[in-house]
PDB file of N, CA and C in Angstrom:
ATOM      1  N   HIS A   1       1.053  -1.232   0.090  1.00  0.00           N
ATOM      2  CA  HIS A   1       0.294  -0.145   0.076  1.00  0.00           C
ATOM      3  C   HIS A   1       1.130   1.220   0.128  1.00  0.00           C
ATOM      4  N   CYS A   2       0.312   2.543  -0.654  1.00  0.00           N
ATOM      5  CA  CYS A   2       0.737   3.692  -0.653  1.00  0.00           C
ATOM      6  C   CYS A   2       0.164   4.616   0.328  1.00  0.00           C
ATOM      7  N   ARG A   3       1.069   5.158   1.011  1.00  0.00           N
ATOM      8  CA  ARG A   3       0.084   6.176   1.630  1.00  0.00           C
ATOM      9  C   ARG A   3       0.742   7.591   1.888  1.00  0.00           C
ATOM     10  N   LEU A   4       0.159   8.851   1.249  1.00  0.00           N
ATOM     11  CA  LEU A   4       0.707  10.118   0.940  1.00  0.00           C
ATOM     12  C   LEU A   4       0.211  10.836   1.861  1.00  0.00           C
ATOM     13  N   HIS A   5       0.987  11.291   3.300  1.00  0.00           N
ATOM     14  CA  HIS A   5       0.677  12.308   4.123  1.00  0.00           C
ATOM     15  C   HIS A   5       1.068  13.528   4.098  1.00  0.00           C
ATOM     16  N   ILE A   6       0.632  14.320   4.011  1.00  0.00           N
ATOM     17  CA  ILE A   6       0.877  15.957   4.116  1.00  0.00           C
ATOM     18  C   ILE A   6       0.670  16.815   5.317  1.00  0.00           C
ATOM     19  N   PRO A   7       1.750  16.757   6.237  1.00  0.00           N
ATOM     20  CA  PRO A   7       1.459  17.639   6.975  1.00  0.00           C
ATOM     21  C   PRO A   7       1.030  19.092   7.067  1.00  0.00           C
ATOM     22  N   SER A   8      -0.139  19.980   7.834  1.00  0.00           N
ATOM     23  CA  SER A   8      -0.135  21.157   7.098  1.00  0.00           C
ATOM     24  C   SER A   8       1.197  21.763   7.390  1.00  0.00           C
ATOM     25  N   SER A   9       1.647  21.340   8.459  1.00  0.00           N
ATOM     26  CA  SER A   9       3.368  22.402   8.456  1.00  0.00           C
ATOM     27  C   SER A   9       3.994  22.362   6.905  1.00  0.00           C
ATOM     28  N   MET A  10       3.427  21.243   6.214  1.00  0.00           N
ATOM     29  CA  MET A  10       4.611  21.253   4.748  1.00  0.00           C
ATOM     30  C   MET A  10       3.758  21.945   3.939  1.00  0.00           C
ATOM     31  N   LEU A  11       2.594  22.438   3.788  1.00  0.00           N
ATOM     32  CA  LEU A  11       1.826  22.825   2.681  1.00  0.00           C
ATOM     33  C   LEU A  11       2.423  24.412   2.167  1.00  0.00           C
ATOM     34  N   GLY A  12       3.202  24.787   3.820  1.00  0.00           N
ATOM     35  CA  GLY A  12       3.631  26.425   2.895  1.00  0.00           C
ATOM     36  C   GLY A  12       2.168  27.689   3.136  1.00  0.00           C
ATOM     37  N   TYR A  13       1.444  27.173   3.735  1.00  0.00           N
ATOM     38  CA  TYR A  13       0.059  28.503   3.805  1.00  0.00           C
ATOM     39  C   TYR A  13      -0.674  28.389   4.976  1.00  0.00           C
ATOM     40  N   GLN A  14      -0.735  29.623   4.938  1.00  0.00           N
ATOM     41  CA  GLN A  14      -1.329  30.247   6.469  1.00  0.00           C
ATOM     42  C   GLN A  14      -3.364  29.957   6.427  1.00  0.00           C
ATOM     43  N   LEU A  15      -3.884  28.814   6.031  1.00  0.00           N
ATOM     44  CA  LEU A  15      -5.409  28.748   5.875  1.00  0.00           C
ATOM     45  C   LEU A  15      -6.181  28.565   7.459  1.00  0.00           C
ATOM     46  N   PRO A  16      -7.149  29.196   7.308  1.00  0.00           N
ATOM     47  CA  PRO A  16      -8.267  28.777   8.189  1.00  0.00           C
ATOM     48  C   PRO A  16      -8.598  27.147   8.753  1.00  0.00           C
ATOM     49  N   LEU A  17      -8.018  26.467   9.707  1.00  0.00           N
ATOM     50  CA  LEU A  17      -8.420  25.534  10.154  1.00  0.00           C
ATOM     51  C   LEU A  17     -10.120  25.081   9.930  1.00  0.00           C
ATOM     52  N   LEU A  18     -10.635  24.117   9.598  1.00  0.00           N
ATOM     53  CA  LEU A  18     -11.989  23.212   9.358  1.00  0.00           C
ATOM     54  C   LEU A  18     -12.052  23.555  11.171  1.00  0.00           C
ATOM     55  N   VAL A  19     -13.988  24.107  11.361  1.00  0.00           N
ATOM     56  CA  VAL A  19     -13.835  24.088  12.511  1.00  0.00           C
ATOM     57  C   VAL A  19     -15.341  23.363  13.038  1.00  0.00           C
ATOM     58  N   TRP A  20     -16.347  23.244  11.992  1.00  0.00           N
ATOM     59  CA  TRP A  20     -16.871  21.706  12.402  1.00  0.00           C
ATOM     60  C   TRP A  20     -16.105  20.484  11.789  1.00  0.00           C
ATOM     61  N   PRO A  21     -17.087  19.235  12.874  1.00  0.00           N
ATOM     62  CA  PRO A  21     -16.719  17.808  12.078  1.00  0.00           C
ATOM     63  C   PRO A  21     -17.051  17.425  10.950  1.00  0.00           C
ATOM     64  N   VAL A  22     -16.599  16.989  10.096  1.00  0.00           N
ATOM     65  CA  VAL A  22     -15.966  15.937   9.008  1.00  0.00           C
ATOM     66  C   VAL A  22     -15.918  14.781   9.257  1.00  0.00           C
ATOM     67  N   PRO A  23     -17.108  14.120   9.418  1.00  0.00           N
ATOM     68  CA  PRO A  23     -17.146  12.385  10.045  1.00  0.00           C
ATOM     69  C   PRO A  23     -15.894  11.241   9.562  1.00  0.00           C
ATOM     70  N   PHE A  24     -15.627  11.522   8.656  1.00  0.00           N
ATOM     71  CA  PHE A  24     -15.146  10.363   8.121  1.00  0.00           C
ATOM     72  C   PHE A  24     -12.883  10.867   8.711  1.00  0.00           C
ATOM     73  N   LEU A  25     -13.036  12.283   8.832  1.00  0.00           N
ATOM     74  CA  LEU A  25     -11.553  12.751   8.525  1.00  0.00           C
ATOM     75  C   LEU A  25     -10.839  12.857  10.435  1.00  0.00           C
ATOM     76  N   THR A  26      -9.804  12.911  10.433  1.00  0.00           N
ATOM     77  CA  THR A  26      -9.196  13.153  11.698  1.00  0.00           C
ATOM     78  C   THR A  26      -8.054  14.199  11.874  1.00  0.00           C
ATOM     79  N   GLY A  27      -7.559  14.464  11.981  1.00  0.00           N
ATOM     80  CA  GLY A  27      -6.204  14.781  12.450  1.00  0.00           C
ATOM     81  C   GLY A  27      -6.265  16.479  12.051  1.00  0.00           C
ATOM     82  N   SER A  28      -5.343  16.644  11.843  1.00  0.00           N
ATOM     83  CA  SER A  28      -4.847  18.468  10.946  1.00  0.00           C
ATOM     84  C   SER A  28      -5.351  18.414   9.248  1.00  0.00           C
ATOM     85  N   TYR A  29      -5.570  19.325   9.186  1.00  0.00           N
ATOM     86  CA  TYR A  29      -6.329  19.700   7.749  1.00  0.00           C
ATOM     87  C   TYR A  29      -6.427  20.810   7.127  1.00  0.00           C
ATOM     88  N   TYR A  30      -5.833  21.768   6.104  1.00  0.00           N
ATOM     89  CA  TYR A  30      -6.985  22.232   5.472  1.00  0.00           C
ATOM     90  C   TYR A  30      -7.982  22.821   5.120  1.00  0.00           C
ATOM     91  N   TYR A  31      -8.486  23.897   4.523  1.00  0.00           N
ATOM     92  CA  TYR A  31     -10.050  24.042   3.550  1.00  0.00           C
ATOM     93  C   TYR A  31      -9.658  25.654   3.328  1.00  0.00           C
ATOM     94  N   LEU A  32     -10.479  25.637   1.875  1.00  0.00           N
ATOM     95  CA  LEU A  32      -9.942  26.739   1.224  1.00  0.00           C
ATOM     96  C   LEU A  32     -11.558  27.028   1.278  1.00  0.00           C
ATOM     97  N   GLU A  33     -12.260  28.335   1.637  1.00  0.00           N
ATOM     98  CA  GLU A  33     -13.536  29.019   1.589  1.00  0.00           C
ATOM     99  C   GLU A  33     -13.770  29.717   0.124  1.00  0.00           C
ATOM    100  N   ALA A  34     -14.839  29.241  -0.279  1.00  0.00           N
ATOM    101  CA  ALA A  34     -14.908  29.586  -1.670  1.00  0.00           C
ATOM    102  C   ALA A  34     -16.064  31.039  -1.897  1.00  0.00           C
ATOM    103  N   SER A  35     -16.351  31.213  -0.924  1.00  0.00           N
ATOM    104  CA  SER A  35     -17.611  31.384  -1.065  1.00  0.00           C
ATOM    105  C   SER A  35     -17.772  33.392  -0.967  1.00  0.00           C
ATOM    106  N   GLY A  36     -18.670  34.326  -1.128  1.00  0.00           N
ATOM    107  CA  GLY A  36     -18.566  35.196  -1.268  1.00  0.00           C
ATOM    108  C   GLY A  36     -19.016  35.713  -2.437  1.00  0.00           C
ATOM    109  N   PRO A  37     -18.637  37.522  -2.817  1.00  0.00           N
ATOM    110  CA  PRO A  37     -19.308  38.306  -4.225  1.00  0.00           C
ATOM    111  C   PRO A  37     -17.902  37.130  -5.045  1.00  0.00           C
ATOM    112  N   ALA A  38     -16.623  37.461  -4.892  1.00  0.00           N
ATOM    113  CA  ALA A  38     -15.510  37.230  -5.903  1.00  0.00           C
ATOM    114  C   ALA A  38     -16.076  36.071  -7.017  1.00  0.00           C
ATOM    115  N   THR A  39     -15.388  36.365  -8.216  1.00  0.00           N
ATOM    116  CA  THR A  39     -15.967  35.057  -9.116  1.00  0.00           C
ATOM    117  C   THR A  39     -14.724  35.051 -10.071  1.00  0.00           C
ATOM    118  N   GLY A  40     -14.424  33.925 -10.179  1.00  0.00           N
ATOM    119  CA  GLY A  40     -13.129  34.018 -11.389  1.00  0.00           C
ATOM    120  C   GLY A  40     -11.469  33.896 -10.799  1.00  0.00           C
ATOM    121  N   ALA A  41     -11.980  33.704  -9.307  1.00  0.00           N
ATOM    122  CA  ALA A  41     -10.050  33.427  -8.707  1.00  0.00           C
ATOM    123  C   ALA A  41     -10.016  32.164  -8.381  1.00  0.00           C
ATOM    124  N   THR A  42      -8.985  31.824  -8.715  1.00  0.00           N
ATOM    125  CA  THR A  42      -7.981  30.229  -8.353  1.00  0.00           C
ATOM    126  C   THR A  42      -7.275  30.031  -7.510  1.00  0.00           C
ATOM    127  N   ALA A  43      -7.834  29.094  -6.257  1.00  0.00           N
ATOM    128  CA  ALA A  43      -6.791  28.938  -5.140  1.00  0.00           C
ATOM    129  C   ALA A  43      -6.294  28.024  -5.570  1.00  0.00           C
ATOM    130  N   VAL A  44      -4.604  27.791  -4.963  1.00  0.00           N
ATOM    131  CA  VAL A  44      -4.120  26.383  -5.762  1.00  0.00           C
ATOM    132  C   VAL A  44      -3.335  26.025  -3.935  1.00  0.00           C
ATOM    133  N   MET A  45      -3.774  24.608  -3.666  1.00  0.00           N
ATOM    134  CA  MET A  45      -3.247  24.263  -2.984  1.00  0.00           C
ATOM    135  C   MET A  45      -1.920  23.187  -2.940  1.00  0.00           C
ATOM    136  N   ARG A  46      -0.352  22.961  -2.686  1.00  0.00           N
ATOM    137  CA  ARG A  46       0.321  22.244  -3.009  1.00  0.00           C
ATOM    138  C   ARG A  46       1.590  21.636  -2.272  1.00  0.00           C
ATOM    139  N   SER A  47       1.728  20.762  -2.159  1.00  0.00           N
ATOM    140  CA  SER A  47       2.623  19.439  -1.373  1.00  0.00           C
ATOM    141  C   SER A  47       3.726  19.731  -1.767  1.00  0.00           C
ATOM    142  N   PRO A  48       4.710  18.868  -0.771  1.00  0.00           N
ATOM    143  CA  PRO A  48       5.716  19.106  -1.248  1.00  0.00           C
ATOM    144  C   PRO A  48       5.806  17.697  -1.963  1.00  0.00           C
ATOM    145  N   PHE A  49       7.100  17.990  -2.775  1.00  0.00           N
ATOM    146  CA  PHE A  49       7.574  16.461  -3.489  1.00  0.00           C
ATOM    147  C   PHE A  49       7.264  14.874  -2.795  1.00  0.00           C
ATOM    148  N   PHE A  50       6.881  14.151  -3.122  1.00  0.00           N
ATOM    149  CA  PHE A  50       6.789  12.761  -3.161  1.00  0.00           C
ATOM    150  C   PHE A  50       7.803  11.819  -3.634  1.00  0.00           C
ATOM    151  N   ASP A  51       8.499  10.519  -3.527  1.00  0.00           N
ATOM    152  CA  ASP A  51       8.884   9.637  -4.343  1.00  0.00           C
ATOM    153  C   ASP A  51       8.003   9.101  -5.249  1.00  0.00           C
ATOM    154  N   LYS A  52       8.621   8.167  -6.172  1.00  0.00           N
ATOM    155  CA  LYS A  52       7.738   7.562  -7.077  1.00  0.00           C
ATOM    156  C   LYS A  52       7.044   6.280  -5.634  1.00  0.00           C
ATOM    157  N   PRO A  53       5.657   6.229  -5.874  1.00  0.00           N
ATOM    158  CA  PRO A  53       4.887   5.238  -5.336  1.00  0.00           C
ATOM    159  C   PRO A  53       5.901   3.667  -5.195  1.00  0.00           C
ATOM    160  N   LYS A  54       5.589   3.016  -4.396  1.00  0.00           N
ATOM    161  CA  LYS A  54       6.624   2.124  -3.774  1.00  0.00           C
ATOM    162  C   LYS A  54       5.219   0.756  -4.052  1.00  0.00           C
ATOM    163  N   GLY A  55       4.557   0.912  -5.139  1.00  0.00           N
ATOM    164  CA  GLY A  55       3.562  -0.267  -4.774  1.00  0.00           C
ATOM    165  C   GLY A  55       1.878   0.250  -5.849  1.00  0.00           C
ATOM    166  N   LEU A  56       1.203  -0.870  -5.963  1.00  0.00           N
ATOM    167  CA  LEU A  56      -0.532  -0.482  -6.497  1.00  0.00           C
ATOM    168  C   LEU A  56      -1.244  -0.366  -5.448  1.00  0.00           C
ATOM    169  N   GLY A  57      -2.618   0.826  -5.563  1.00  0.00           N
ATOM    170  CA  GLY A  57      -2.820   1.199  -5.087  1.00  0.00           C
ATOM    171  C   GLY A  57      -2.517   2.275  -3.924  1.00  0.00           C
ATOM    172  N   CYS A  58      -1.678   3.139  -4.606  1.00  0.00           N
ATOM    173  CA  CYS A  58      -1.800   4.641  -4.186  1.00  0.00           C
ATOM    174  C   CYS A  58      -3.137   5.418  -4.481  1.00  0.00           C
ATOM    175  N   GLN A  59      -3.353   6.352  -3.590  1.00  0.00           N
ATOM    176  CA  GLN A  59      -4.383   6.903  -3.544  1.00  0.00           C
ATOM    177  C   GLN A  59      -4.513   8.401  -2.683  1.00  0.00           C
ATOM    178  N   VAL A  60      -5.283   9.442  -3.346  1.00  0.00           N
ATOM    179  CA  VAL A  60      -5.543  10.186  -2.194  1.00  0.00           C
ATOM    180  C   VAL A  60      -6.628  10.340  -1.834  1.00  0.00           C
ATOM    181  N   ARG A  61      -6.888  10.433  -0.296  1.00  0.00           N
ATOM    182  CA  ARG A  61      -8.682  10.553   0.055  1.00  0.00           C
ATOM    183  C   ARG A  61      -8.703  12.394   0.690  1.00  0.00           C
ATOM    184  N   PHE A  62      -9.560  13.166   0.274  1.00  0.00           N
ATOM    185  CA  PHE A  62      -9.815  14.051   0.878  1.00  0.00           C
ATOM    186  C   PHE A  62     -11.203  14.099   0.749  1.00  0.00           C
ATOM    187  N   ALA A  63     -12.025  15.384   1.818  1.00  0.00           N
ATOM    188  CA  ALA A  63     -12.968  15.532   1.675  1.00  0.00           C
ATOM    189  C   ALA A  63     -13.001  17.132   0.765  1.00  0.00           C
ATOM    190  N   TYR A  64     -14.307  17.093   0.330  1.00  0.00           N
ATOM    191  CA  TYR A  64     -14.858  18.554  -0.417  1.00  0.00           C
ATOM    192  C   TYR A  64     -16.439  18.423   0.019  1.00  0.00           C
ATOM    193  N   SER A  65     -16.439  20.270  -0.035  1.00  0.00           N
ATOM    194  CA  SER A  65     -18.114  20.337  -0.408  1.00  0.00           C
ATOM    195  C   SER A  65     -18.065  21.270  -1.346  1.00  0.00           C
ATOM    196  N   MET A  66     -19.109  21.498  -1.928  1.00  0.00           N
ATOM    197  CA  MET A  66     -19.250  22.302  -3.394  1.00  0.00           C
ATOM    198  C   MET A  66     -21.174  22.478  -3.288  1.00  0.00           C
ATOM    199  N   LEU A  67     -21.513  23.211  -2.992  1.00  0.00           N
ATOM    200  CA  LEU A  67     -22.538  23.563  -2.492  1.00  0.00           C
ATOM    201  C   LEU A  67     -22.408  25.171  -3.683  1.00  0.00           C
ATOM    202  N   GLY A  68     -24.129  25.014  -4.006  1.00  0.00           N
ATOM    203  CA  GLY A  68     -24.003  26.031  -5.222  1.00  0.00           C
ATOM    204  C   GLY A  68     -24.350  26.279  -6.147  1.00  0.00           C
ATOM    205  N   VAL A  69     -25.381  27.032  -6.734  1.00  0.00           N
ATOM    206  CA  VAL A  69     -25.825  27.035  -8.190  1.00  0.00           C
ATOM    207  C   VAL A  69     -24.443  27.790  -8.474  1.00  0.00           C
ATOM    208  N   ALA A  70     -23.304  28.496  -8.461  1.00  0.00           N
ATOM    209  CA  ALA A  70     -22.336  29.345  -9.297  1.00  0.00           C
ATOM    210  C   ALA A  70     -21.134  28.633  -8.807  1.00  0.00           C
ATOM    211  N   MET A  71     -21.466  27.634  -8.495  1.00  0.00           N
ATOM    212  CA  MET A  71     -20.226  26.424  -8.100  1.00  0.00           C
ATOM    213  C   MET A  71     -18.685  25.969  -8.972  1.00  0.00           C
ATOM    214  N   GLY A  72     -17.902  26.504  -8.573  1.00  0.00           N
ATOM    215  CA  GLY A  72     -16.817  26.500  -9.942  1.00  0.00           C
ATOM    216  C   GLY A  72     -16.544  24.780 -10.056  1.00  0.00           C
ATOM    217  N   SER A  73     -14.798  24.830 -10.401  1.00  0.00           N
ATOM    218  CA  SER A  73     -14.456  23.088 -10.257  1.00  0.00           C
ATOM    219  C   SER A  73     -13.352  22.655  -9.249  1.00  0.00           C
ATOM    220  N   LEU A  74     -13.293  21.679  -9.193  1.00  0.00           N
ATOM    221  CA  LEU A  74     -12.345  21.228  -7.858  1.00  0.00           C
ATOM    222  C   LEU A  74     -11.136  19.978  -8.708  1.00  0.00           C
ATOM    223  N   PHE A  75      -9.876  20.785  -8.897  1.00  0.00           N
ATOM    224  CA  PHE A  75      -8.995  19.959  -9.901  1.00  0.00           C
ATOM    225  C   PHE A  75      -8.570  18.882  -8.937  1.00  0.00           C
ATOM    226  N   VAL A  76      -7.484  17.915  -8.475  1.00  0.00           N
ATOM    227  CA  VAL A  76      -6.165  17.194  -7.960  1.00  0.00           C
ATOM    228  C   VAL A  76      -5.702  16.283  -8.902  1.00  0.00           C
ATOM    229  N   ASN A  77      -4.336  17.454  -8.835  1.00  0.00           N
ATOM    230  CA  ASN A  77      -3.658  17.238 -10.194  1.00  0.00           C
ATOM    231  C   ASN A  77      -1.844  16.378  -9.286  1.00  0.00           C
ATOM    232  N   ALA A  78      -1.657  15.800 -10.226  1.00  0.00           N
ATOM    233  CA  ALA A  78      -0.309  15.601  -9.632  1.00  0.00           C
ATOM    234  C   ALA A  78       1.100  16.292 -11.042  1.00  0.00           C
ATOM    235  N   VAL A  79       2.114  17.172 -10.237  1.00  0.00           N
ATOM    236  CA  VAL A  79       2.719  17.578 -10.733  1.00  0.00           C
ATOM    237  C   VAL A  79       4.364  17.063 -10.933  1.00  0.00           C
ATOM    238  N   LEU A  80       4.495  16.618 -12.366  1.00  0.00           N
ATOM    239  CA  LEU A  80       5.517  15.412 -12.369  1.00  0.00           C
ATOM    240  C   LEU A  80       6.702  16.866 -12.412  1.00  0.00           C
ATOM    241  N   ASP A  81       8.465  16.379 -11.807  1.00  0.00           N
ATOM    242  CA  ASP A  81       9.204  16.828 -12.153  1.00  0.00           C
ATOM    243  C   ASP A  81       9.827  17.713 -13.183  1.00  0.00           C
ATOM    244  N   SER A  82       9.504  17.031 -14.453  1.00  0.00           N
ATOM    245  CA  SER A  82       9.350  18.219 -15.524  1.00  0.00           C
ATOM    246  C   SER A  82       8.688  19.321 -15.762  1.00  0.00           C
ATOM    247  N   GLY A  83       7.784  19.164 -14.484  1.00  0.00           N
ATOM    248  CA  GLY A  83       6.291  20.346 -15.003  1.00  0.00           C
ATOM    249  C   GLY A  83       5.524  19.771 -15.227  1.00  0.00           C
ATOM    250  N   ARG A  84       5.399  18.744 -16.376  1.00  0.00           N
ATOM    251  CA  ARG A  84       3.924  18.296 -16.274  1.00  0.00           C
ATOM    252  C   ARG A  84       3.162  18.100 -15.430  1.00  0.00           C
ATOM    253  N   THR A  85       1.737  18.620 -16.019  1.00  0.00           N
ATOM    254  CA  THR A  85       0.599  18.442 -15.088  1.00  0.00           C
ATOM    255  C   THR A  85      -0.029  17.125 -15.503  1.00  0.00           C
ATOM    256  N   VAL A  86      -1.123  16.562 -14.578  1.00  0.00           N
ATOM    257  CA  VAL A  86      -1.540  15.205 -15.028  1.00  0.00           C
ATOM    258  C   VAL A  86      -2.827  15.171 -13.946  1.00  0.00           C
ATOM    259  N   GLN A  87      -3.755  15.104 -14.552  1.00  0.00           N
ATOM    260  CA  GLN A  87      -5.006  15.507 -13.762  1.00  0.00           C
ATOM    261  C   GLN A  87      -5.341  13.763 -12.867  1.00  0.00           C
ATOM    262  N   LEU A  88      -5.798  14.267 -12.043  1.00  0.00           N
ATOM    263  CA  LEU A  88      -5.808  12.204 -11.594  1.00  0.00           C
ATOM    264  C   LEU A  88      -7.328  12.454 -10.600  1.00  0.00           C
ATOM    265  N   TRP A  89      -8.435  13.968 -10.520  1.00  0.00           N
ATOM    266  CA  TRP A  89      -9.306  13.822 -10.556  1.00  0.00           C
ATOM    267  C   TRP A  89     -10.423  15.243 -10.484  1.00  0.00           C
ATOM    268  N   ASN A  90     -11.561  15.660 -10.569  1.00  0.00           N
ATOM    269  CA  ASN A  90     -12.154  16.626 -10.905  1.00  0.00           C
ATOM    270  C   ASN A  90     -13.366  16.260 -10.654  1.00  0.00           C
ATOM    271  N   ARG A  91     -14.628  17.737 -10.072  1.00  0.00           N
ATOM    272  CA  ARG A  91     -15.559  17.619  -9.769  1.00  0.00           C
ATOM    273  C   ARG A  91     -16.049  18.854 -10.229  1.00  0.00           C
ATOM    274  N   THR A  92     -17.070  19.178 -10.612  1.00  0.00           N
ATOM    275  CA  THR A  92     -17.967  20.403 -11.801  1.00  0.00           C
ATOM    276  C   THR A  92     -19.405  21.057 -11.134  1.00  0.00           C
ATOM    277  N   GLY A  93     -19.709  22.526 -10.330  1.00  0.00           N
ATOM    278  CA  GLY A  93     -20.803  22.640 -10.235  1.00  0.00           C
ATOM    279  C   GLY A  93     -21.228  21.909  -8.803  1.00  0.00           C
ATOM    280  N   ASN A  94     -22.373  22.107  -8.638  1.00  0.00           N
ATOM    281  CA  ASN A  94     -23.072  22.060  -7.365  1.00  0.00           C
ATOM    282  C   ASN A  94     -23.295  20.427  -7.088  1.00  0.00           C
ATOM    283  N   GLN A  95     -22.120  19.953  -5.817  1.00  0.00           N
ATOM    284  CA  GLN A  95     -22.595  18.745  -5.997  1.00  0.00           C
ATOM    285  C   GLN A  95     -23.572  18.005  -4.906  1.00  0.00           C
ATOM    286  N   GLY A  96     -24.304  19.511  -4.206  1.00  0.00           N
ATOM    287  CA  GLY A  96     -25.278  18.898  -2.653  1.00  0.00           C
ATOM    288  C   GLY A  96     -24.522  19.642  -1.774  1.00  0.00           C
ATOM    289  N   ALA A  97     -25.514  19.715  -0.541  1.00  0.00           N
ATOM    290  CA  ALA A  97     -25.136  19.603   0.318  1.00  0.00           C
ATOM    291  C   ALA A  97     -24.186  18.996   1.461  1.00  0.00           C
ATOM    292  N   GLY A  98     -23.651  19.456   1.972  1.00  0.00           N
ATOM    293  CA  GLY A  98     -22.641  18.179   2.951  1.00  0.00           C
ATOM    294  C   GLY A  98     -21.241  18.161   2.645  1.00  0.00           C
ATOM    295  N   TRP A  99     -20.299  17.354   2.841  1.00  0.00           N
ATOM    296  CA  TRP A  99     -19.126  16.739   2.959  1.00  0.00           C
ATOM    297  C   TRP A  99     -19.423  15.332   1.922  1.00  0.00           C
ATOM    298  N   LEU A 100     -18.322  15.739   1.188  1.00  0.00           N
ATOM    299  CA  LEU A 100     -17.777  14.440   0.668  1.00  0.00           C
ATOM    300  C   LEU A 100     -16.796  14.261   0.268  1.00  0.00           C
ATOM    301  N   SER A 101     -16.606  12.618  -0.065  1.00  0.00           N
ATOM    302  CA  SER A 101     -15.232  11.974   0.124  1.00  0.00           C
ATOM    303  C   SER A 101     -14.575  11.877  -0.984  1.00  0.00           C
ATOM    304  N   GLY A 102     -13.206  12.376  -1.401  1.00  0.00           N
ATOM    305  CA  GLY A 102     -13.111  11.845  -2.472  1.00  0.00           C
ATOM    306  C   GLY A 102     -11.410  11.034  -2.970  1.00  0.00           C
ATOM    307  N   VAL A 103     -11.334  10.484  -3.692  1.00  0.00           N
ATOM    308  CA  VAL A 103     -10.844   9.391  -3.634  1.00  0.00           C
ATOM    309  C   VAL A 103      -9.988   9.872  -4.989  1.00  0.00           C
ATOM    310  N   ALA A 104      -8.767   9.900  -4.979  1.00  0.00           N
ATOM    311  CA  ALA A 104      -7.944  10.232  -6.551  1.00  0.00           C
ATOM    312  C   ALA A 104      -6.801   9.337  -6.549  1.00  0.00           C
ATOM    313  N   PRO A 105      -6.544   7.794  -7.527  1.00  0.00           N
ATOM    314  CA  PRO A 105      -5.781   7.115  -7.969  1.00  0.00           C
ATOM    315  C   PRO A 105      -4.912   7.565  -7.869  1.00  0.00           C
ATOM    316  N   VAL A 106      -3.618   6.957  -8.068  1.00  0.00           N
ATOM    317  CA  VAL A 106      -2.366   7.491  -8.191  1.00  0.00           C
ATOM    318  C   VAL A 106      -1.787   6.478  -8.855  1.00  0.00           C
ATOM    319  N   THR A 107      -1.247   6.741 -10.275  1.00  0.00           N
ATOM    320  CA  THR A 107      -0.629   5.762 -10.830  1.00  0.00           C
ATOM    321  C   THR A 107       0.511   6.525 -11.538  1.00  0.00           C
ATOM    322  N   LEU A 108       1.825   6.973 -10.743  1.00  0.00           N
ATOM    323  CA  LEU A 108       2.444   7.619 -11.592  1.00  0.00           C
ATOM    324  C   LEU A 108       3.454   6.250 -11.020  1.00  0.00           C
ATOM    325  N   THR A 109       4.929   6.484 -12.178  1.00  0.00           N
ATOM    326  CA  THR A 109       6.122   5.761 -12.066  1.00  0.00           C
ATOM    327  C   THR A 109       6.965   7.226 -11.719  1.00  0.00           C
ATOM    328  N   THR A 110       7.257   8.265 -11.433  1.00  0.00           N
ATOM    329  CA  THR A 110       8.420   9.027 -11.089  1.00  0.00           C
ATOM    330  C   THR A 110       7.861   9.724  -9.812  1.00  0.00           C
ATOM    331  N   ARG A 111       8.491  11.044  -9.299  1.00  0.00           N
ATOM    332  CA  ARG A 111       8.457  11.557  -8.129  1.00  0.00           C
ATOM    333  C   ARG A 111       7.699  13.045  -9.133  1.00  0.00           C
ATOM    334  N   PHE A 112       6.365  12.928  -7.435  1.00  0.00           N
ATOM    335  CA  PHE A 112       5.007  14.354  -8.036  1.00  0.00           C
ATOM    336  C   PHE A 112       5.100  14.873  -6.819  1.00  0.00           C
ATOM    337  N   ARG A 113       4.448  15.906  -6.971  1.00  0.00           N
ATOM    338  CA  ARG A 113       3.343  16.725  -6.340  1.00  0.00           C
ATOM    339  C   ARG A 113       1.714  16.681  -6.326  1.00  0.00           C
ATOM    340  N   LEU A 114       1.223  17.073  -4.754  1.00  0.00           N
ATOM    341  CA  LEU A 114      -0.067  17.114  -5.549  1.00  0.00           C
ATOM    342  C   LEU A 114      -0.293  18.662  -5.511  1.00  0.00           C
ATOM    343  N   GLU A 115      -1.274  18.903  -6.283  1.00  0.00           N
ATOM    344  CA  GLU A 115      -1.783  20.228  -6.301  1.00  0.00           C
ATOM    345  C   GLU A 115      -3.319  20.460  -6.480  1.00  0.00           C
ATOM    346  N   PHE A 116      -4.114  21.290  -5.684  1.00  0.00           N
ATOM    347  CA  PHE A 116      -4.877  20.871  -5.342  1.00  0.00           C
ATOM    348  C   PHE A 116      -5.921  22.370  -5.718  1.00  0.00           C
ATOM    349  N   ARG A 117      -6.706  22.486  -6.802  1.00  0.00           N
ATOM    350  CA  ARG A 117      -7.128  23.734  -7.062  1.00  0.00           C
ATOM    351  C   ARG A 117      -8.568  23.919  -7.983  1.00  0.00           C
TER     352      ARG A 117
END
């Protein structure tokens, strides 16, 4: 199995911590708030680089909430050493109320960093 853990101290961003419980998450984590009058803005969170995965079944697990008629898109990408971006997962538009669990399979054979956009 492959387990990718991104300590919040390694993300390099000072974002508000989530203050309400997400039933399937424990530990420290970040969230991005996308409500308000601003449109067209893009927020990006990047991890440090991970070495080449050492087995099959590697995946990224995360929680997301995308509620609202003007909801944009959420992408989970892998950025390779070469700079090439590989899309691992995405959702667009209103996904309904509540927190949902996302799983992005990682089938890469090289070093990469994660990017939530």
